[in-house]
Amino acid sequence: MVALGVVVLLFVVGYFLARELYANGQLEDCLLSGRTNCTPIQTPGQ
């Protein structure tokens, strides 16, 4: 049971890490293309 908990925890941490890396990559691509309005717009529910 403990092993299952560890696996689930690793999956959740990996998912959030992948999301953050993807978002940072998108921002970096925007900045490297020369645009200056790359700040993401936060909407409720995101």
Protein backbone atom coordinates (compact mmCIF):
# COMPACT_ATOMS: atom_id res chain seq x y z
CA MET A 1 0.00 0.00 0.00
CA VAL A 2 2.87 2.37 0.79
CA ALA A 3 4.46 1.64 -2.60
CA LEU A 4 1.21 2.57 -4.35
CA GLY A 5 1.14 5.86 -2.44
CA VAL A 6 4.71 6.62 -3.47
CA VAL A 7 3.95 5.87 -7.12
CA VAL A 8 0.87 8.13 -7.07
CA LEU A 9 2.85 10.91 -5.38
CA LEU A 10 5.60 10.66 -8.01
CA PHE A 11 3.02 10.76 -10.79
CA VAL A 12 1.36 13.89 -9.37
CA VAL A 13 4.67 15.68 -8.84
CA GLY A 14 5.79 14.72 -12.36
CA TYR A 15 2.55 16.01 -13.84
CA PHE A 16 2.86 19.42 -12.19
CA LEU A 17 6.54 19.63 -13.09
CA ALA A 18 5.77 18.85 -16.74
CA ARG A 19 3.04 21.52 -16.80
CA GLU A 20 5.39 24.17 -15.39
CA LEU A 21 8.18 23.26 -17.79
CA TYR A 22 5.76 23.44 -20.73
CA ALA A 23 4.48 26.86 -19.63
CA ASN A 24 8.02 28.16 -19.19
CA GLY A 25 8.94 26.85 -22.63
CA GLN A 26 5.97 28.63 -24.19
CA LEU A 27 6.96 31.90 -22.49
CA GLU A 28 10.56 31.50 -23.59
CA ASP A 29 9.49 30.84 -27.19
CA CYS A 30 7.37 33.99 -27.13
CA LEU A 31 10.20 36.13 -25.75
CA LEU A 32 12.75 34.72 -28.18
CA SER A 33 10.47 35.58 -31.10
CA GLY A 34 10.85 39.25 -30.16
CA ARG A 35 7.41 39.90 -28.72
CA THR A 36 7.04 42.05 -25.61
CA ASN A 37 3.48 41.10 -24.52
CA CYS A 38 4.19 37.52 -23.46
CA THR A 39 2.70 37.64 -19.96
CA PRO A 40 -0.05 35.03 -19.68
CA ILE A 41 -3.49 36.32 -18.77
CA GLN A 42 -4.85 34.67 -15.64
CA THR A 43 -8.56 33.86 -15.72
CA PRO A 44 -10.66 32.40 -12.91
CA GLY A 45 -10.52 28.64 -12.97
CA GLN A 46 -6.97 28.33 -14.28
